[in-house]
């Protein structure tokens, strides 16, 4: 069972994923990331540099100190994380091709220009 902050109890079939929703900052997982200039240091797959297997997605992800825009760019990084996890678990990654085809798979960060975003 999962107990909510209001005391309500929920039954789940699977163990819940630890997530902070839209709350800014890393909160309780802060200690599992290195920081540089106030930003979490990540691998090219958005993984913690000190806690293997711990990935970060969302608006806290930055590139060269430039924060990804909220509406579109950080969403394009979800597939990158999914691809890395699938690769490690030897799971078929073919379904992720659809993300590439639709421009929702931001792998090549050299072309990222935050000033060009319409968000």
PDB file of N, CA and C in Angstrom:
ATOM      1  N   UNK A   1       0.825  -1.194   0.000  1.00  0.00           N
ATOM      2  CA  UNK A   1       0.000   0.000   0.000  1.00  0.00           C
ATOM      3  C   UNK A   1       0.869   1.257   0.000  1.00  0.00           C
ATOM      4  N   UNK A   2       0.349   2.284  -0.604  1.00  0.00           N
ATOM      5  CA  UNK A   2       0.998   3.590  -0.630  1.00  0.00           C
ATOM      6  C   UNK A   2       0.138   4.531   0.201  1.00  0.00           C
ATOM      7  N   UNK A   3       0.781   5.267   1.101  1.00  0.00           N
ATOM      8  CA  UNK A   3       0.063   6.204   1.963  1.00  0.00           C
ATOM      9  C   UNK A   3       0.340   7.620   1.472  1.00  0.00           C
ATOM     10  N   UNK A   4      -0.710   8.363   1.141  1.00  0.00           N
ATOM     11  CA  UNK A   4      -0.581   9.743   0.681  1.00  0.00           C
ATOM     12  C   UNK A   4      -0.299  10.689   1.827  1.00  0.00           C
ATOM     13  N   UNK A   5       0.068  11.910   1.506  1.00  0.00           N
ATOM     14  CA  UNK A   5       0.371  12.902   2.545  1.00  0.00           C
ATOM     15  C   UNK A   5      -0.853  13.243   3.378  1.00  0.00           C
ATOM     16  N   UNK A   6      -2.042  12.988   2.832  1.00  0.00           N
ATOM     17  CA  UNK A   6      -3.268  13.243   3.590  1.00  0.00           C
ATOM     18  C   UNK A   6      -3.725  12.018   4.378  1.00  0.00           C
ATOM     19  N   UNK A   7      -2.906  10.940   4.341  1.00  0.00           N
ATOM     20  CA  UNK A   7      -3.232   9.724   5.075  1.00  0.00           C
ATOM     21  C   UNK A   7      -4.032   8.709   4.284  1.00  0.00           C
ATOM     22  N   UNK A   8      -4.468   9.070   3.078  1.00  0.00           N
ATOM     23  CA  UNK A   8      -5.231   8.130   2.243  1.00  0.00           C
ATOM     24  C   UNK A   8      -4.332   6.973   1.812  1.00  0.00           C
ATOM     25  N   UNK A   9      -4.894   5.783   1.737  1.00  0.00           N
ATOM     26  CA  UNK A   9      -4.152   4.579   1.378  1.00  0.00           C
ATOM     27  C   UNK A   9      -4.555   4.116  -0.025  1.00  0.00           C
ATOM     28  N   UNK A  10      -3.555   3.764  -0.827  1.00  0.00           N
ATOM     29  CA  UNK A  10      -3.782   3.283  -2.182  1.00  0.00           C
ATOM     30  C   UNK A  10      -3.053   1.958  -2.365  1.00  0.00           C
ATOM     31  N   UNK A  11      -3.693   1.007  -3.023  1.00  0.00           N
ATOM     32  CA  UNK A  11      -3.062  -0.274  -3.320  1.00  0.00           C
ATOM     33  C   UNK A  11      -2.546  -0.239  -4.753  1.00  0.00           C
ATOM     34  N   UNK A  12      -1.291  -0.668  -4.941  1.00  0.00           N
ATOM     35  CA  UNK A  12      -0.706  -0.701  -6.274  1.00  0.00           C
ATOM     36  C   UNK A  12      -0.201  -2.100  -6.580  1.00  0.00           C
ATOM     37  N   UNK A  13      -0.254  -2.467  -7.860  1.00  0.00           N
ATOM     38  CA  UNK A  13       0.275  -3.773  -8.270  1.00  0.00           C
ATOM     39  C   UNK A  13       1.790  -3.754  -8.344  1.00  0.00           C
ATOM     40  N   UNK A  14       2.357  -2.581  -8.625  1.00  0.00           N
ATOM     41  CA  UNK A  14       3.800  -2.446  -8.792  1.00  0.00           C
ATOM     42  C   UNK A  14       4.341  -1.421  -7.810  1.00  0.00           C
ATOM     43  N   UNK A  15       5.615  -1.567  -7.513  1.00  0.00           N
ATOM     44  CA  UNK A  15       6.259  -0.604  -6.626  1.00  0.00           C
ATOM     45  C   UNK A  15       6.266   0.764  -7.306  1.00  0.00           C
ATOM     46  N   UNK A  16       5.850   1.820  -6.616  1.00  0.00           N
ATOM     47  CA  UNK A  16       5.815   3.158  -7.226  1.00  0.00           C
ATOM     48  C   UNK A  16       7.216   3.661  -7.571  1.00  0.00           C
ATOM     49  N   UNK A  17       7.283   4.494  -8.592  1.00  0.00           N
ATOM     50  CA  UNK A  17       8.519   5.151  -8.979  1.00  0.00           C
ATOM     51  C   UNK A  17       8.648   6.407  -8.132  1.00  0.00           C
ATOM     52  N   UNK A  18       9.830   6.626  -7.579  1.00  0.00           N
ATOM     53  CA  UNK A  18      10.061   7.835  -6.800  1.00  0.00           C
ATOM     54  C   UNK A  18      10.097   9.017  -7.758  1.00  0.00           C
ATOM     55  N   UNK A  19       9.220   9.954  -7.596  1.00  0.00           N
ATOM     56  CA  UNK A  19       9.156  11.118  -8.480  1.00  0.00           C
ATOM     57  C   UNK A  19       8.741  12.337  -7.669  1.00  0.00           C
ATOM     58  N   UNK A  20       9.180  13.502  -8.125  1.00  0.00           N
ATOM     59  CA  UNK A  20       8.849  14.728  -7.412  1.00  0.00           C
ATOM     60  C   UNK A  20       7.823  15.563  -8.154  1.00  0.00           C
ATOM     61  N   UNK A  21       7.319  15.062  -9.262  1.00  0.00           N
ATOM     62  CA  UNK A  21       6.337  15.825 -10.027  1.00  0.00           C
ATOM     63  C   UNK A  21       6.949  17.078 -10.600  1.00  0.00           C
ATOM     64  N   UNK A  22       6.269  18.197 -10.456  1.00  0.00           N
ATOM     65  CA  UNK A  22       6.763  19.441 -11.020  1.00  0.00           C
ATOM     66  C   UNK A  22       7.475  20.308  -9.993  1.00  0.00           C
ATOM     67  N   UNK A  23       7.754  19.747  -8.825  1.00  0.00           N
ATOM     68  CA  UNK A  23       8.460  20.506  -7.798  1.00  0.00           C
ATOM     69  C   UNK A  23       9.884  20.778  -8.266  1.00  0.00           C
ATOM     70  N   UNK A  24      10.323  22.006  -8.133  1.00  0.00           N
ATOM     71  CA  UNK A  24      11.653  22.383  -8.563  1.00  0.00           C
ATOM     72  C   UNK A  24      12.704  21.837  -7.603  1.00  0.00           C
ATOM     73  N   UNK A  25      13.838  21.449  -8.124  1.00  0.00           N
ATOM     74  CA  UNK A  25      14.924  20.934  -7.317  1.00  0.00           C
ATOM     75  C   UNK A  25      14.905  19.423  -7.262  1.00  0.00           C
ATOM     76  N   UNK A  26      15.959  18.858  -6.705  1.00  0.00           N
ATOM     77  CA  UNK A  26      16.077  17.405  -6.659  1.00  0.00           C
ATOM     78  C   UNK A  26      15.608  16.811  -5.347  1.00  0.00           C
ATOM     79  N   UNK A  27      15.427  17.644  -4.341  1.00  0.00           N
ATOM     80  CA  UNK A  27      14.881  17.170  -3.075  1.00  0.00           C
ATOM     81  C   UNK A  27      15.669  16.033  -2.460  1.00  0.00           C
ATOM     82  N   UNK A  28      14.995  14.939  -2.167  1.00  0.00           N
ATOM     83  CA  UNK A  28      15.617  13.851  -1.408  1.00  0.00           C
ATOM     84  C   UNK A  28      16.664  13.069  -2.192  1.00  0.00           C
ATOM     85  N   UNK A  29      16.780  13.258  -3.499  1.00  0.00           N
ATOM     86  CA  UNK A  29      17.820  12.552  -4.258  1.00  0.00           C
ATOM     87  C   UNK A  29      19.026  13.448  -4.530  1.00  0.00           C
ATOM     88  N   UNK A  30      19.013  14.639  -3.999  1.00  0.00           N
ATOM     89  CA  UNK A  30      20.070  15.627  -4.176  1.00  0.00           C
ATOM     90  C   UNK A  30      21.464  15.048  -3.931  1.00  0.00           C
ATOM     91  N   UNK A  31      21.606  14.240  -2.894  1.00  0.00           N
ATOM     92  CA  UNK A  31      22.917  13.701  -2.512  1.00  0.00           C
ATOM     93  C   UNK A  31      23.468  12.699  -3.526  1.00  0.00           C
ATOM     94  N   UNK A  32      22.649  12.276  -4.461  1.00  0.00           N
ATOM     95  CA  UNK A  32      23.077  11.285  -5.449  1.00  0.00           C
ATOM     96  C   UNK A  32      23.561  11.916  -6.750  1.00  0.00           C
ATOM     97  N   UNK A  33      23.733  13.232  -6.738  1.00  0.00           N
ATOM     98  CA  UNK A  33      24.210  13.951  -7.913  1.00  0.00           C
ATOM     99  C   UNK A  33      25.364  14.861  -7.535  1.00  0.00           C
ATOM    100  N   UNK A  34      26.336  14.979  -8.438  1.00  0.00           N
ATOM    101  CA  UNK A  34      27.374  15.993  -8.316  1.00  0.00           C
ATOM    102  C   UNK A  34      26.795  17.278  -8.897  1.00  0.00           C
ATOM    103  N   UNK A  35      27.285  18.403  -8.418  1.00  0.00           N
ATOM    104  CA  UNK A  35      26.798  19.684  -8.929  1.00  0.00           C
ATOM    105  C   UNK A  35      27.964  20.526  -9.407  1.00  0.00           C
ATOM    106  N   UNK A  36      27.715  21.262 -10.469  1.00  0.00           N
ATOM    107  CA  UNK A  36      28.691  22.193 -11.012  1.00  0.00           C
ATOM    108  C   UNK A  36      27.952  23.489 -11.327  1.00  0.00           C
ATOM    109  N   UNK A  37      28.385  24.568 -10.732  1.00  0.00           N
ATOM    110  CA  UNK A  37      27.714  25.869 -10.902  1.00  0.00           C
ATOM    111  C   UNK A  37      26.227  25.784 -10.576  1.00  0.00           C
ATOM    112  N   UNK A  38      25.893  24.988  -9.559  1.00  0.00           N
ATOM    113  CA  UNK A  38      24.512  24.870  -9.108  1.00  0.00           C
ATOM    114  C   UNK A  38      23.638  23.931  -9.916  1.00  0.00           C
ATOM    115  N   UNK A  39      24.204  23.311 -10.957  1.00  0.00           N
ATOM    116  CA  UNK A  39      23.434  22.410 -11.815  1.00  0.00           C
ATOM    117  C   UNK A  39      23.931  20.976 -11.645  1.00  0.00           C
ATOM    118  N   UNK A  40      23.030  19.985 -11.694  1.00  0.00           N
ATOM    119  CA  UNK A  40      23.468  18.595 -11.580  1.00  0.00           C
ATOM    120  C   UNK A  40      24.310  18.181 -12.784  1.00  0.00           C
ATOM    121  N   UNK A  41      25.437  17.509 -12.511  1.00  0.00           N
ATOM    122  CA  UNK A  41      26.282  16.974 -13.585  1.00  0.00           C
ATOM    123  C   UNK A  41      25.685  15.649 -14.036  1.00  0.00           C
ATOM    124  N   UNK A  42      25.562  15.486 -15.346  1.00  0.00           N
ATOM    125  CA  UNK A  42      24.944  14.294 -15.912  1.00  0.00           C
ATOM    126  C   UNK A  42      25.787  13.745 -17.050  1.00  0.00           C
ATOM    127  N   UNK A  43      25.590  12.460 -17.341  1.00  0.00           N
ATOM    128  CA  UNK A  43      26.215  11.860 -18.513  1.00  0.00           C
ATOM    129  C   UNK A  43      25.446  12.295 -19.757  1.00  0.00           C
ATOM    130  N   UNK A  44      25.891  11.855 -20.920  1.00  0.00           N
ATOM    131  CA  UNK A  44      25.188  12.173 -22.166  1.00  0.00           C
ATOM    132  C   UNK A  44      23.803  11.547 -22.225  1.00  0.00           C
ATOM    133  N   UNK A  45      23.535  10.581 -21.341  1.00  0.00           N
ATOM    134  CA  UNK A  45      22.218   9.941 -21.273  1.00  0.00           C
ATOM    135  C   UNK A  45      21.411  10.445 -20.075  1.00  0.00           C
ATOM    136  N   UNK A  46      21.820  11.567 -19.500  1.00  0.00           N
ATOM    137  CA  UNK A  46      21.118  12.204 -18.374  1.00  0.00           C
ATOM    138  C   UNK A  46      21.131  11.350 -17.106  1.00  0.00           C
ATOM    139  N   UNK A  47      22.224  10.638 -16.899  1.00  0.00           N
ATOM    140  CA  UNK A  47      22.400   9.782 -15.726  1.00  0.00           C
ATOM    141  C   UNK A  47      23.328  10.474 -14.732  1.00  0.00           C
ATOM    142  N   UNK A  48      23.101  10.243 -13.466  1.00  0.00           N
ATOM    143  CA  UNK A  48      23.978  10.771 -12.429  1.00  0.00           C
ATOM    144  C   UNK A  48      25.404  10.286 -12.673  1.00  0.00           C
ATOM    145  N   UNK A  49      26.369  11.154 -12.434  1.00  0.00           N
ATOM    146  CA  UNK A  49      27.770  10.769 -12.599  1.00  0.00           C
ATOM    147  C   UNK A  49      28.300  10.010 -11.388  1.00  0.00           C
ATOM    148  N   UNK A  50      27.541   9.992 -10.284  1.00  0.00           N
ATOM    149  CA  UNK A  50      28.013   9.295  -9.081  1.00  0.00           C
ATOM    150  C   UNK A  50      27.087   8.174  -8.616  1.00  0.00           C
ATOM    151  N   UNK A  51      25.897   8.095  -9.169  1.00  0.00           N
ATOM    152  CA  UNK A  51      24.945   7.039  -8.790  1.00  0.00           C
ATOM    153  C   UNK A  51      24.444   6.340 -10.054  1.00  0.00           C
ATOM    154  N   UNK A  52      25.193   5.332 -10.525  1.00  0.00           N
ATOM    155  CA  UNK A  52      24.803   4.636 -11.753  1.00  0.00           C
ATOM    156  C   UNK A  52      23.370   4.108 -11.669  1.00  0.00           C
ATOM    157  N   UNK A  53      22.636   4.283 -12.777  1.00  0.00           N
ATOM    158  CA  UNK A  53      21.258   3.809 -12.837  1.00  0.00           C
ATOM    159  C   UNK A  53      20.238   4.836 -12.393  1.00  0.00           C
ATOM    160  N   UNK A  54      20.700   5.999 -11.915  1.00  0.00           N
ATOM    161  CA  UNK A  54      19.788   7.065 -11.502  1.00  0.00           C
ATOM    162  C   UNK A  54      19.803   8.146 -12.582  1.00  0.00           C
ATOM    163  N   UNK A  55      18.663   8.311 -13.243  1.00  0.00           N
ATOM    164  CA  UNK A  55      18.535   9.255 -14.343  1.00  0.00           C
ATOM    165  C   UNK A  55      17.714  10.459 -13.904  1.00  0.00           C
ATOM    166  N   UNK A  56      17.974  11.586 -14.542  1.00  0.00           N
ATOM    167  CA  UNK A  56      17.238  12.809 -14.248  1.00  0.00           C
ATOM    168  C   UNK A  56      16.545  13.274 -15.523  1.00  0.00           C
ATOM    169  N   UNK A  57      15.263  13.558 -15.421  1.00  0.00           N
ATOM    170  CA  UNK A  57      14.533  14.143 -16.543  1.00  0.00           C
ATOM    171  C   UNK A  57      13.809  15.380 -16.044  1.00  0.00           C
ATOM    172  N   UNK A  58      13.483  16.243 -16.957  1.00  0.00           N
ATOM    173  CA  UNK A  58      12.722  17.418 -16.581  1.00  0.00           C
ATOM    174  C   UNK A  58      13.515  18.697 -16.689  1.00  0.00           C
ATOM    175  N   UNK A  59      12.970  19.764 -16.153  1.00  0.00           N
ATOM    176  CA  UNK A  59      13.564  21.084 -16.335  1.00  0.00           C
ATOM    177  C   UNK A  59      14.874  21.310 -15.581  1.00  0.00           C
ATOM    178  N   UNK A  60      15.292  20.381 -14.725  1.00  0.00           N
ATOM    179  CA  UNK A  60      16.582  20.539 -14.045  1.00  0.00           C
ATOM    180  C   UNK A  60      17.744  20.117 -14.941  1.00  0.00           C
ATOM    181  N   UNK A  61      17.441  19.456 -16.065  1.00  0.00           N
ATOM    182  CA  UNK A  61      18.482  19.014 -16.990  1.00  0.00           C
ATOM    183  C   UNK A  61      18.969  20.226 -17.777  1.00  0.00           C
ATOM    184  N   UNK A  62      20.293  20.403 -17.802  1.00  0.00           N
ATOM    185  CA  UNK A  62      20.877  21.537 -18.513  1.00  0.00           C
ATOM    186  C   UNK A  62      21.956  21.059 -19.476  1.00  0.00           C
ATOM    187  N   UNK A  63      22.277  21.897 -20.426  1.00  0.00           N
ATOM    188  CA  UNK A  63      23.363  21.652 -21.370  1.00  0.00           C
ATOM    189  C   UNK A  63      24.260  22.876 -21.358  1.00  0.00           C
ATOM    190  N   UNK A  64      25.505  22.682 -20.960  1.00  0.00           N
ATOM    191  CA  UNK A  64      26.462  23.791 -20.890  1.00  0.00           C
ATOM    192  C   UNK A  64      25.894  24.993 -20.137  1.00  0.00           C
ATOM    193  N   UNK A  65      25.206  24.711 -19.036  1.00  0.00           N
ATOM    194  CA  UNK A  65      24.653  25.772 -18.211  1.00  0.00           C
ATOM    195  C   UNK A  65      23.346  26.345 -18.718  1.00  0.00           C
ATOM    196  N   UNK A  66      22.886  25.890 -19.874  1.00  0.00           N
ATOM    197  CA  UNK A  66      21.637  26.379 -20.458  1.00  0.00           C
ATOM    198  C   UNK A  66      20.516  25.404 -20.124  1.00  0.00           C
ATOM    199  N   UNK A  67      19.505  25.884 -19.439  1.00  0.00           N
ATOM    200  CA  UNK A  67      18.399  25.023 -19.026  1.00  0.00           C
ATOM    201  C   UNK A  67      17.508  24.704 -20.221  1.00  0.00           C
ATOM    202  N   UNK A  68      17.127  23.427 -20.349  1.00  0.00           N
ATOM    203  CA  UNK A  68      16.214  23.041 -21.421  1.00  0.00           C
ATOM    204  C   UNK A  68      14.871  23.719 -21.203  1.00  0.00           C
ATOM    205  N   UNK A  69      14.207  24.096 -22.298  1.00  0.00           N
ATOM    206  CA  UNK A  69      12.903  24.741 -22.163  1.00  0.00           C
ATOM    207  C   UNK A  69      11.885  23.736 -21.634  1.00  0.00           C
ATOM    208  N   UNK A  70      10.902  24.245 -20.930  1.00  0.00           N
ATOM    209  CA  UNK A  70       9.960  23.398 -20.197  1.00  0.00           C
ATOM    210  C   UNK A  70       9.036  22.600 -21.092  1.00  0.00           C
ATOM    211  N   UNK A  71       8.501  23.207 -22.134  1.00  0.00           N
ATOM    212  CA  UNK A  71       7.436  22.565 -22.892  1.00  0.00           C
ATOM    213  C   UNK A  71       7.934  21.502 -23.858  1.00  0.00           C
ATOM    214  N   UNK A  72       8.970  21.781 -24.627  1.00  0.00           N
ATOM    215  CA  UNK A  72       9.325  20.802 -25.655  1.00  0.00           C
ATOM    216  C   UNK A  72      10.658  20.110 -25.443  1.00  0.00           C
ATOM    217  N   UNK A  73      11.734  20.842 -25.222  1.00  0.00           N
ATOM    218  CA  UNK A  73      13.052  20.234 -25.297  1.00  0.00           C
ATOM    219  C   UNK A  73      13.285  19.153 -24.262  1.00  0.00           C
ATOM    220  N   UNK A  74      12.931  19.382 -22.985  1.00  0.00           N
ATOM    221  CA  UNK A  74      13.233  18.313 -22.029  1.00  0.00           C
ATOM    222  C   UNK A  74      12.390  17.084 -22.296  1.00  0.00           C
ATOM    223  N   UNK A  75      11.225  17.237 -22.935  1.00  0.00           N
ATOM    224  CA  UNK A  75      10.412  16.068 -23.299  1.00  0.00           C
ATOM    225  C   UNK A  75      11.124  15.223 -24.357  1.00  0.00           C
ATOM    226  N   UNK A  76      11.944  15.858 -25.183  1.00  0.00           N
ATOM    227  CA  UNK A  76      12.681  15.129 -26.212  1.00  0.00           C
ATOM    228  C   UNK A  76      13.799  14.286 -25.608  1.00  0.00           C
ATOM    229  N   UNK A  77      14.088  14.478 -24.342  1.00  0.00           N
ATOM    230  CA  UNK A  77      15.140  13.704 -23.676  1.00  0.00           C
ATOM    231  C   UNK A  77      14.603  12.446 -22.998  1.00  0.00           C
ATOM    232  N   UNK A  78      13.279  12.325 -22.819  1.00  0.00           N
ATOM    233  CA  UNK A  78      12.725  11.122 -22.199  1.00  0.00           C
ATOM    234  C   UNK A  78      13.111   9.872 -22.982  1.00  0.00           C
ATOM    235  N   UNK A  79      13.052   9.945 -24.311  1.00  0.00           N
ATOM    236  CA  UNK A  79      13.376   8.785 -25.143  1.00  0.00           C
ATOM    237  C   UNK A  79      14.847   8.406 -25.018  1.00  0.00           C
ATOM    238  N   UNK A  80      15.711   9.385 -24.783  1.00  0.00           N
ATOM    239  CA  UNK A  80      17.136   9.108 -24.597  1.00  0.00           C
ATOM    240  C   UNK A  80      17.336   8.250 -23.351  1.00  0.00           C
ATOM    241  N   UNK A  81      16.655   8.606 -22.274  1.00  0.00           N
ATOM    242  CA  UNK A  81      16.732   7.831 -21.031  1.00  0.00           C
ATOM    243  C   UNK A  81      16.134   6.443 -21.244  1.00  0.00           C
ATOM    244  N   UNK A  82      14.978   6.370 -21.885  1.00  0.00           N
ATOM    245  CA  UNK A  82      14.334   5.076 -22.149  1.00  0.00           C
ATOM    246  C   UNK A  82      15.231   4.188 -22.999  1.00  0.00           C
ATOM    247  N   UNK A  83      15.899   4.773 -23.988  1.00  0.00           N
ATOM    248  CA  UNK A  83      16.799   4.016 -24.861  1.00  0.00           C
ATOM    249  C   UNK A  83      17.970   3.433 -24.073  1.00  0.00           C
ATOM    250  N   UNK A  84      18.537   4.224 -23.187  1.00  0.00           N
ATOM    251  CA  UNK A  84      19.674   3.753 -22.381  1.00  0.00           C
ATOM    252  C   UNK A  84      19.253   2.617 -21.448  1.00  0.00           C
ATOM    253  N   UNK A  85      18.117   2.769 -20.804  1.00  0.00           N
ATOM    254  CA  UNK A  85      17.630   1.719 -19.903  1.00  0.00           C
ATOM    255  C   UNK A  85      17.321   0.452 -20.690  1.00  0.00           C
ATOM    256  N   UNK A  86      16.647   0.585 -21.830  1.00  0.00           N
ATOM    257  CA  UNK A  86      16.323  -0.576 -22.668  1.00  0.00           C
ATOM    258  C   UNK A  86      17.588  -1.277 -23.144  1.00  0.00           C
ATOM    259  N   UNK A  87      18.595  -0.509 -23.502  1.00  0.00           N
ATOM    260  CA  UNK A  87      19.867  -1.084 -23.943  1.00  0.00           C
ATOM    261  C   UNK A  87      20.506  -1.913 -22.832  1.00  0.00           C
ATOM    262  N   UNK A  88      20.534  -1.379 -21.628  1.00  0.00           N
ATOM    263  CA  UNK A  88      21.141  -2.096 -20.497  1.00  0.00           C
ATOM    264  C   UNK A  88      20.372  -3.354 -20.123  1.00  0.00           C
ATOM    265  N   UNK A  89      19.044  -3.313 -20.307  1.00  0.00           N
ATOM    266  CA  UNK A  89      18.205  -4.470 -19.965  1.00  0.00           C
ATOM    267  C   UNK A  89      18.023  -5.417 -21.145  1.00  0.00           C
ATOM    268  N   UNK A  90      18.683  -5.110 -22.271  1.00  0.00           N
ATOM    269  CA  UNK A  90      18.589  -5.913 -23.490  1.00  0.00           C
ATOM    270  C   UNK A  90      17.138  -6.068 -23.947  1.00  0.00           C
ATOM    271  N   UNK A  91      16.425  -4.949 -23.928  1.00  0.00           N
ATOM    272  CA  UNK A  91      15.027  -4.893 -24.359  1.00  0.00           C
ATOM    273  C   UNK A  91      14.995  -4.306 -25.773  1.00  0.00           C
ATOM    274  N   UNK A  92      14.063  -4.764 -26.593  1.00  0.00           N
ATOM    275  CA  UNK A  92      13.899  -4.267 -27.955  1.00  0.00           C
ATOM    276  C   UNK A  92      13.699  -2.752 -27.946  1.00  0.00           C
ATOM    277  N   UNK A  93      14.586  -2.051 -28.646  1.00  0.00           N
ATOM    278  CA  UNK A  93      14.527  -0.592 -28.683  1.00  0.00           C
ATOM    279  C   UNK A  93      13.815  -0.064 -29.929  1.00  0.00           C
ATOM    280  N   UNK A  94      13.348  -0.960 -30.780  1.00  0.00           N
ATOM    281  CA  UNK A  94      12.679  -0.569 -32.024  1.00  0.00           C
ATOM    282  C   UNK A  94      11.513   0.395 -31.812  1.00  0.00           C
ATOM    283  N   UNK A  95      10.677   0.214 -30.775  1.00  0.00           N
ATOM    284  CA  UNK A  95       9.563   1.160 -30.589  1.00  0.00           C
ATOM    285  C   UNK A  95      10.011   2.618 -30.442  1.00  0.00           C
ATOM    286  N   UNK A  96      11.259   2.839 -30.035  1.00  0.00           N
ATOM    287  CA  UNK A  96      11.749   4.206 -29.873  1.00  0.00           C
ATOM    288  C   UNK A  96      12.031   4.886 -31.207  1.00  0.00           C
ATOM    289  N   UNK A  97      12.060   4.108 -32.302  1.00  0.00           N
ATOM    290  CA  UNK A  97      12.272   4.698 -33.629  1.00  0.00           C
ATOM    291  C   UNK A  97      11.185   5.714 -33.958  1.00  0.00           C
ATOM    292  N   UNK A  98       9.986   5.473 -33.481  1.00  0.00           N
ATOM    293  CA  UNK A  98       8.882   6.401 -33.734  1.00  0.00           C
ATOM    294  C   UNK A  98       9.178   7.779 -33.130  1.00  0.00           C
ATOM    295  N   UNK A  99       9.845   7.799 -31.976  1.00  0.00           N
ATOM    296  CA  UNK A  99      10.222   9.072 -31.357  1.00  0.00           C
ATOM    297  C   UNK A  99      11.225   9.813 -32.244  1.00  0.00           C
ATOM    298  N   UNK A 100      12.185   9.056 -32.802  1.00  0.00           N
ATOM    299  CA  UNK A 100      13.153   9.670 -33.711  1.00  0.00           C
ATOM    300  C   UNK A 100      12.451  10.252 -34.936  1.00  0.00           C
ATOM    301  N   UNK A 101      11.550   9.472 -35.523  1.00  0.00           N
ATOM    302  CA  UNK A 101      10.832   9.900 -36.727  1.00  0.00           C
ATOM    303  C   UNK A 101      10.011  11.160 -36.490  1.00  0.00           C
ATOM    304  N   UNK A 102       9.517  11.339 -35.285  1.00  0.00           N
ATOM    305  CA  UNK A 102       8.670  12.498 -34.968  1.00  0.00           C
ATOM    306  C   UNK A 102       9.454  13.653 -34.340  1.00  0.00           C
ATOM    307  N   UNK A 103      10.787  13.530 -34.339  1.00  0.00           N
ATOM    308  CA  UNK A 103      11.608  14.603 -33.793  1.00  0.00           C
ATOM    309  C   UNK A 103      11.529  14.736 -32.286  1.00  0.00           C
ATOM    310  N   UNK A 104      11.188  13.642 -31.603  1.00  0.00           N
ATOM    311  CA  UNK A 104      11.061  13.666 -30.141  1.00  0.00           C
ATOM    312  C   UNK A 104      12.167  12.847 -29.476  1.00  0.00           C
ATOM    313  N   UNK A 105      13.349  12.801 -30.100  1.00  0.00           N
ATOM    314  CA  UNK A 105      14.474  12.026 -29.587  1.00  0.00           C
ATOM    315  C   UNK A 105      15.717  12.893 -29.743  1.00  0.00           C
ATOM    316  N   UNK A 106      15.971  13.746 -28.777  1.00  0.00           N
ATOM    317  CA  UNK A 106      17.070  14.708 -28.855  1.00  0.00           C
ATOM    318  C   UNK A 106      18.369  14.056 -28.382  1.00  0.00           C
ATOM    319  N   UNK A 107      19.087  13.436 -29.342  1.00  0.00           N
ATOM    320  CA  UNK A 107      20.373  12.799 -29.043  1.00  0.00           C
ATOM    321  C   UNK A 107      21.538  13.738 -29.324  1.00  0.00           C
ATOM    322  N   UNK A 108      21.472  14.436 -30.436  1.00  0.00           N
ATOM    323  CA  UNK A 108      22.564  15.291 -30.878  1.00  0.00           C
ATOM    324  C   UNK A 108      22.429  16.664 -30.227  1.00  0.00           C
ATOM    325  N   UNK A 109      23.116  16.828 -29.118  1.00  0.00           N
ATOM    326  CA  UNK A 109      23.007  18.086 -28.375  1.00  0.00           C
ATOM    327  C   UNK A 109      23.810  19.215 -29.011  1.00  0.00           C
ATOM    328  N   UNK A 110      24.639  18.888 -30.010  1.00  0.00           N
ATOM    329  CA  UNK A 110      25.415  19.943 -30.665  1.00  0.00           C
ATOM    330  C   UNK A 110      24.512  20.894 -31.442  1.00  0.00           C
ATOM    331  N   UNK A 111      23.319  20.421 -31.807  1.00  0.00           N
ATOM    332  CA  UNK A 111      22.407  21.272 -32.578  1.00  0.00           C
ATOM    333  C   UNK A 111      21.398  21.989 -31.686  1.00  0.00           C
ATOM    334  N   UNK A 112      21.498  21.795 -30.370  1.00  0.00           N
ATOM    335  CA  UNK A 112      20.526  22.409 -29.461  1.00  0.00           C
ATOM    336  C   UNK A 112      20.763  23.905 -29.365  1.00  0.00           C
ATOM    337  N   UNK A 113      19.762  24.685 -29.734  1.00  0.00           N
ATOM    338  CA  UNK A 113      19.831  26.137 -29.645  1.00  0.00           C
ATOM    339  C   UNK A 113      18.603  26.634 -28.895  1.00  0.00           C
ATOM    340  N   UNK A 114      18.727  26.895 -27.592  1.00  0.00           N
ATOM    341  CA  UNK A 114      17.561  27.288 -26.796  1.00  0.00           C
ATOM    342  C   UNK A 114      16.890  28.559 -27.289  1.00  0.00           C
ATOM    343  N   UNK A 115      17.641  29.447 -27.929  1.00  0.00           N
ATOM    344  CA  UNK A 115      17.045  30.689 -28.425  1.00  0.00           C
ATOM    345  C   UNK A 115      16.109  30.444 -29.603  1.00  0.00           C
ATOM    346  N   UNK A 116      16.198  29.262 -30.215  1.00  0.00           N
ATOM    347  CA  UNK A 116      15.359  28.940 -31.366  1.00  0.00           C
ATOM    348  C   UNK A 116      14.043  28.286 -30.954  1.00  0.00           C
ATOM    349  N   UNK A 117      13.871  28.000 -29.683  1.00  0.00           N
ATOM    350  CA  UNK A 117      12.657  27.336 -29.213  1.00  0.00           C
ATOM    351  C   UNK A 117      11.491  28.317 -29.203  1.00  0.00           C
ATOM    352  N   UNK A 118      10.330  27.853 -29.646  1.00  0.00           N
ATOM    353  CA  UNK A 118       9.135  28.697 -29.686  1.00  0.00           C
ATOM    354  C   UNK A 118       8.332  28.661 -28.387  1.00  0.00           C
ATOM    355  N   UNK A 119       8.808  27.935 -27.396  1.00  0.00           N
ATOM    356  CA  UNK A 119       8.053  27.791 -26.146  1.00  0.00           C
ATOM    357  C   UNK A 119       8.053  29.088 -25.354  1.00  0.00           C
TER     358      UNK A 119
END
